[in-house]
Amino acid sequence: MKVHPTAQLLGEVHLEEGVEVGPYAILDGRLGPIKIGAGTIVFGNVWIQGPTFIGEENVIYPFASIGGGPQDLEYKLEPTEIYIGDRNVIREYVTINKGSTKDKGKTVIGNDNYFMAYSHIAHDCKIGNHVVFTNGASIAGHVEVHDYAILSAFVGVQQFSRIGAHAFVGGYSAVNQDVLPYAKVVGLRPLEIVGVNTVGLSRRGFSREQIRAIDKAFRLLLRSGLLLKDAIEKIEEELGERPEIKVLLDFLRTLDPRRGFHRKIRKR
């Protein structure tokens, strides 16, 4: 354990073996405990407030702010929480807010994610694994971002939206509904589906057969003219045994009907 003499550890702070804390970092455990797992590096000038629980082998760059209260006018310093998994990279000026009393009271981040400079994760969000936030990408409260999704530069996501697994959201896009798994989307108002994220899927080892199955499911869902419930039944009937299609079907079956999903197709 290496803690620079100018760093401040206040209140209840627990550091496991191999943790490094750089100069002028502030770990403020007075509102609740801070626990940081083995091998995590906290560079200088980072600010962390508890209750915050960070796993192993993360790298947190200067001026990141983790554990600040939700940006909610009704927040009164309640001890809501943040949970961060292992091997995440949190770059300069990233802000991650703890949960609020209006939800489950915690913000949860999985493993192997990369958050580039100035990206923002608001209260009560849930981030999966292998997710990338490019510079300035921001999500509002109660948002879910599923595994392997990519948010490009300066993307903005409205509260309660979901970004499906392996989705790619193009730069400067505005998301105010759910984004389908595997979709490639871009645009302000409206956000448009460009197609299946074939490049990303290929890089992650999806076979041509799997990608063709996903493309067929998209055509049934978006181009067949079927009602949503009928399209789901058709996809289930023709492709439902495929694991990659189960991900899409599970996402569709858990849609909030008040919000829906982005389904406008960009004209070629």
Protein backbone atom coordinates (compact mmCIF):
# COMPACT_ATOMS: atom_id res chain seq x y z
CA MET A 1 0.00 0.00 0.00
CA LYS A 2 1.44 3.35 -1.09
CA VAL A 3 -0.29 6.52 0.08
CA HIS A 4 1.34 9.84 -0.78
CA PRO A 5 1.87 12.01 2.31
CA THR A 6 -0.22 14.83 0.86
CA ALA A 7 -3.26 12.58 0.31
CA GLN A 8 -6.09 12.89 2.81
CA LEU A 9 -7.90 9.83 4.15
CA LEU A 10 -10.84 11.00 6.23
CA GLY A 11 -13.21 8.90 8.29
CA GLU A 12 -13.62 5.21 7.46
CA VAL A 13 -11.26 4.26 4.60
CA HIS A 14 -10.14 0.67 3.93
CA LEU A 15 -7.36 0.02 1.39
CA GLU A 16 -6.36 -3.50 0.42
CA GLU A 17 -2.91 -4.73 -0.55
CA GLY A 18 -1.22 -2.96 -3.44
CA VAL A 19 -3.50 0.10 -3.52
CA GLU A 20 -1.74 3.33 -4.52
CA VAL A 21 -3.08 6.78 -3.68
CA GLY A 22 -1.41 9.76 -5.35
CA PRO A 23 -0.68 13.29 -4.17
CA TYR A 24 -3.53 15.50 -2.99
CA ALA A 25 -6.14 12.80 -3.49
CA ILE A 26 -9.03 13.04 -1.01
CA LEU A 27 -10.79 9.89 0.18
CA ASP A 28 -13.63 11.14 2.36
CA GLY A 29 -15.22 8.35 4.36
CA ARG A 30 -17.07 10.55 6.84
CA LEU A 31 -20.51 9.94 5.29
CA GLY A 32 -19.86 6.21 4.98
CA PRO A 33 -17.06 3.72 4.34
CA ILE A 34 -14.73 3.72 1.37
CA LYS A 35 -13.32 0.32 0.46
CA ILE A 36 -10.80 -0.06 -2.38
CA GLY A 37 -9.67 -3.46 -3.63
CA ALA A 38 -6.20 -4.81 -4.21
CA GLY A 39 -4.07 -3.30 -6.96
CA THR A 40 -6.26 -0.27 -7.65
CA ILE A 41 -4.39 2.94 -8.50
CA VAL A 42 -5.86 6.29 -7.47
CA PHE A 43 -3.82 9.06 -9.09
CA GLY A 44 -3.35 12.52 -7.63
CA ASN A 45 -6.18 14.98 -7.12
CA VAL A 46 -8.92 12.33 -7.27
CA TRP A 47 -11.88 12.90 -4.92
CA ILE A 48 -13.86 9.94 -3.59
CA GLN A 49 -16.69 10.17 -1.07
CA GLY A 50 -18.26 7.24 0.75
CA PRO A 51 -20.16 5.04 0.94
CA THR A 52 -18.17 3.80 -2.08
CA PHE A 53 -16.98 0.27 -2.77
CA ILE A 54 -14.35 -0.15 -5.49
CA GLY A 55 -12.96 -3.51 -6.62
CA GLU A 56 -9.53 -4.64 -7.74
CA GLU A 57 -7.08 -3.36 -10.37
CA ASN A 58 -8.97 -0.24 -11.32
CA VAL A 59 -7.11 2.85 -12.54
CA ILE A 60 -8.57 6.22 -11.58
CA TYR A 61 -6.99 9.26 -13.24
CA PRO A 62 -6.53 12.80 -11.86
CA PHE A 63 -9.53 15.00 -11.07
CA ALA A 64 -12.08 12.20 -11.31
CA SER A 65 -14.95 12.66 -8.83
CA ILE A 66 -16.57 9.50 -7.47
CA GLY A 67 -19.33 9.35 -4.89
CA GLY A 68 -20.74 12.84 -5.08
CA GLY A 69 -24.40 13.06 -4.11
CA PRO A 70 -27.10 12.77 -6.76
CA GLN A 71 -27.85 15.99 -8.57
CA ASP A 72 -31.31 16.03 -7.04
CA LEU A 73 -32.78 19.05 -5.28
CA GLU A 74 -34.25 16.77 -2.60
CA TYR A 75 -30.98 15.03 -1.69
CA LYS A 76 -30.07 15.67 1.96
CA LEU A 77 -26.71 13.86 2.31
CA GLU A 78 -28.33 10.46 2.81
CA PRO A 79 -25.71 7.63 2.80
CA THR A 80 -26.58 6.19 -0.60
CA GLU A 81 -23.90 4.11 -2.33
CA ILE A 82 -21.65 3.35 -5.31
CA TYR A 83 -20.38 -0.09 -6.27
CA ILE A 84 -17.59 -0.34 -8.87
CA GLY A 85 -16.20 -3.70 -10.01
CA ASP A 86 -12.75 -4.68 -11.23
CA ARG A 87 -10.33 -3.50 -13.94
CA ASN A 88 -12.18 -0.34 -14.85
CA VAL A 89 -10.36 2.69 -16.26
CA ILE A 90 -11.77 6.03 -15.12
CA ARG A 91 -10.10 8.92 -16.91
CA GLU A 92 -9.67 12.60 -16.09
CA TYR A 93 -12.66 14.62 -14.85
CA VAL A 94 -15.10 11.71 -14.97
CA THR A 95 -17.99 12.18 -12.52
CA ILE A 96 -19.89 9.26 -10.99
CA ASN A 97 -22.76 10.09 -8.62
CA LYS A 98 -24.07 7.83 -5.89
CA GLY A 99 -27.66 6.58 -5.79
CA SER A 100 -30.71 8.46 -4.59
CA THR A 101 -33.45 7.71 -2.09
CA LYS A 102 -35.96 7.71 -4.98
CA ASP A 103 -34.59 4.43 -6.34
CA LYS A 104 -32.55 1.54 -4.93
CA GLY A 105 -30.09 3.95 -3.43
CA LYS A 106 -27.03 2.82 -5.36
CA THR A 107 -25.13 3.30 -8.59
CA VAL A 108 -23.58 0.07 -9.89
CA ILE A 109 -20.71 -0.34 -12.38
CA GLY A 110 -19.44 -3.73 -13.52
CA ASN A 111 -16.02 -4.85 -14.75
CA ASP A 112 -13.58 -3.96 -17.54
CA ASN A 113 -15.22 -0.68 -18.53
CA TYR A 114 -13.46 2.37 -19.96
CA PHE A 115 -14.76 5.85 -19.14
CA MET A 116 -12.96 8.55 -21.10
CA ALA A 117 -12.40 12.12 -19.97
CA TYR A 118 -15.36 14.25 -18.86
CA SER A 119 -17.92 11.45 -19.13
CA HIS A 120 -20.70 11.45 -16.54
CA ILE A 121 -22.71 8.72 -14.80
CA ALA A 122 -25.64 10.03 -12.80
CA HIS A 123 -27.40 8.58 -9.78
CA ASP A 124 -28.95 5.10 -9.71
CA CYS A 125 -27.43 4.04 -13.04
CA LYS A 126 -26.43 0.47 -13.78
CA ILE A 127 -23.47 -0.16 -16.10
CA GLY A 128 -22.60 -3.67 -17.29
CA ASN A 129 -19.21 -5.01 -18.38
CA HIS A 130 -16.83 -4.02 -21.22
CA VAL A 131 -18.70 -0.76 -21.81
CA VAL A 132 -16.99 2.28 -23.35
CA PHE A 133 -17.96 5.91 -22.69
CA THR A 134 -16.09 8.18 -25.09
CA ASN A 135 -15.14 11.75 -24.11
CA GLY A 136 -18.05 13.77 -22.76
CA ALA A 137 -20.68 11.02 -22.97
CA SER A 138 -23.28 11.60 -20.26
CA ILE A 139 -26.14 9.56 -18.89
CA ALA A 140 -28.91 10.88 -16.66
CA GLY A 141 -30.30 9.11 -13.62
CA HIS A 142 -31.71 5.55 -13.60
CA VAL A 143 -30.14 4.65 -16.97
CA GLU A 144 -28.97 1.11 -17.79
CA VAL A 145 -26.07 0.47 -20.18
CA HIS A 146 -25.66 -3.21 -21.01
CA ASP A 147 -22.52 -5.22 -21.78
CA TYR A 148 -20.20 -4.13 -24.62
CA ALA A 149 -22.23 -1.03 -25.51
CA ILE A 150 -20.30 1.99 -26.79
CA LEU A 151 -21.37 5.61 -26.28
CA SER A 152 -19.43 7.91 -28.58
CA ALA A 153 -18.34 11.46 -27.84
CA PHE A 154 -20.87 13.81 -26.24
CA VAL A 155 -23.77 11.38 -26.37
CA GLY A 156 -26.60 12.37 -24.02
CA VAL A 157 -28.99 9.78 -22.58
CA GLN A 158 -32.29 10.72 -20.95
CA GLN A 159 -33.22 9.27 -17.56
CA PHE A 160 -34.68 5.73 -17.36
CA SER A 161 -33.45 4.81 -20.85
CA ARG A 162 -31.69 1.51 -21.57
CA ILE A 163 -28.81 0.96 -23.99
CA GLY A 164 -28.83 -2.67 -25.12
CA ALA A 165 -25.85 -5.02 -25.25
CA HIS A 166 -23.39 -4.47 -28.13
CA ALA A 167 -25.18 -1.29 -29.22
CA PHE A 168 -23.18 1.56 -30.76
CA VAL A 169 -24.40 5.13 -30.27
CA GLY A 170 -22.78 7.63 -32.64
CA GLY A 171 -21.25 10.90 -31.52
CA TYR A 172 -23.42 13.83 -30.40
CA SER A 173 -26.55 11.65 -30.42
CA ALA A 174 -29.53 12.33 -28.13
CA VAL A 175 -31.15 9.22 -26.66
CA ASN A 176 -34.61 9.55 -25.10
CA GLN A 177 -35.91 5.98 -25.50
CA ASP A 178 -34.38 2.51 -25.28
CA VAL A 179 -31.72 1.52 -27.83
CA LEU A 180 -31.98 -2.06 -29.09
CA PRO A 181 -29.19 -4.57 -28.45
CA TYR A 182 -26.83 -4.85 -31.44
CA ALA A 183 -28.14 -1.62 -32.99
CA LYS A 184 -26.02 1.12 -34.51
CA VAL A 185 -27.79 4.45 -33.97
CA VAL A 186 -27.01 8.10 -34.55
CA GLY A 187 -28.79 11.45 -34.59
CA LEU A 188 -30.26 14.24 -32.49
CA ARG A 189 -34.00 14.51 -33.00
CA PRO A 190 -34.92 11.87 -33.99
CA LEU A 191 -32.30 9.25 -33.23
CA GLU A 192 -32.16 6.83 -36.18
CA ILE A 193 -31.12 3.22 -36.58
CA VAL A 194 -28.37 2.90 -39.17
CA GLY A 195 -28.33 -0.89 -38.99
CA VAL A 196 -26.86 -3.76 -37.02
CA ASN A 197 -23.49 -3.05 -35.37
CA THR A 198 -21.77 -5.58 -37.63
CA VAL A 199 -18.25 -4.22 -37.18
CA GLY A 200 -18.45 -4.36 -33.40
CA LEU A 201 -19.99 -7.82 -33.43
CA SER A 202 -17.32 -9.15 -35.80
CA ARG A 203 -14.57 -7.78 -33.58
CA ARG A 204 -16.12 -9.59 -30.60
CA GLY A 205 -16.16 -12.93 -32.36
CA PHE A 206 -19.73 -13.17 -33.62
CA SER A 207 -19.94 -15.46 -36.63
CA ARG A 208 -21.49 -14.47 -39.97
CA GLU A 209 -24.37 -16.81 -39.21
CA GLN A 210 -25.04 -15.08 -35.89
CA ILE A 211 -24.91 -11.64 -37.50
CA ARG A 212 -27.28 -12.76 -40.27
CA ALA A 213 -29.72 -14.03 -37.63
CA ILE A 214 -29.61 -10.68 -35.82
CA ASP A 215 -30.13 -8.84 -39.11
CA LYS A 216 -33.16 -11.03 -39.89
CA ALA A 217 -34.61 -10.33 -36.45
CA PHE A 218 -34.17 -6.58 -37.04
CA ARG A 219 -35.97 -6.83 -40.38
CA LEU A 220 -38.89 -8.68 -38.77
CA LEU A 221 -39.03 -6.12 -35.98
CA LEU A 222 -38.55 -2.91 -37.97
CA ARG A 223 -39.48 -3.53 -41.60
CA SER A 224 -42.21 -6.18 -41.65
CA GLY A 225 -45.06 -3.89 -40.63
CA LEU A 226 -46.03 -6.26 -37.82
CA LEU A 227 -47.26 -5.03 -34.48
CA LEU A 228 -44.61 -5.32 -31.79
CA LYS A 229 -46.22 -8.32 -30.07
CA ASP A 230 -46.63 -10.08 -33.41
CA ALA A 231 -43.03 -9.31 -34.41
CA ILE A 232 -41.80 -10.74 -31.12
CA GLU A 233 -43.81 -13.91 -31.71
CA LYS A 234 -42.44 -14.21 -35.25
CA ILE A 235 -38.84 -13.74 -34.10
CA GLU A 236 -39.41 -16.31 -31.34
CA GLU A 237 -40.88 -18.78 -33.82
CA GLU A 238 -38.12 -18.47 -36.44
CA LEU A 239 -35.01 -17.61 -34.38
CA GLY A 240 -35.88 -18.03 -30.71
CA GLU A 241 -33.49 -20.91 -30.01
CA ARG A 242 -30.42 -18.84 -30.82
CA PRO A 243 -28.66 -17.37 -27.74
CA GLU A 244 -27.93 -14.05 -29.44
CA ILE A 245 -31.64 -13.68 -30.31
CA LYS A 246 -32.69 -14.47 -26.74
CA VAL A 247 -30.81 -11.32 -25.68
CA LEU A 248 -32.93 -9.25 -28.08
CA LEU A 249 -36.18 -10.96 -27.07
CA ASP A 250 -35.51 -10.50 -23.36
CA PHE A 251 -34.85 -6.82 -23.98
CA LEU A 252 -38.09 -6.40 -25.96
CA ARG A 253 -40.16 -8.22 -23.37
CA THR A 254 -38.97 -5.91 -20.61
CA LEU A 255 -39.68 -2.66 -22.45
CA ASP A 256 -41.51 0.04 -20.57
CA PRO A 257 -44.52 0.65 -22.85
CA ARG A 258 -44.60 4.28 -21.79
CA ARG A 259 -41.13 4.82 -23.27
CA GLY A 260 -40.75 2.39 -26.14
CA PHE A 261 -37.56 2.14 -28.18
CA HIS A 262 -35.89 4.00 -31.00
CA ARG A 263 -37.15 2.38 -34.21
CA LYS A 264 -36.87 5.02 -36.94
CA ILE A 265 -34.63 3.68 -39.74
CA ARG A 266 -32.26 6.05 -41.52
CA LYS A 267 -33.03 6.24 -45.23
CA ARG A 268 -30.15 5.27 -47.48
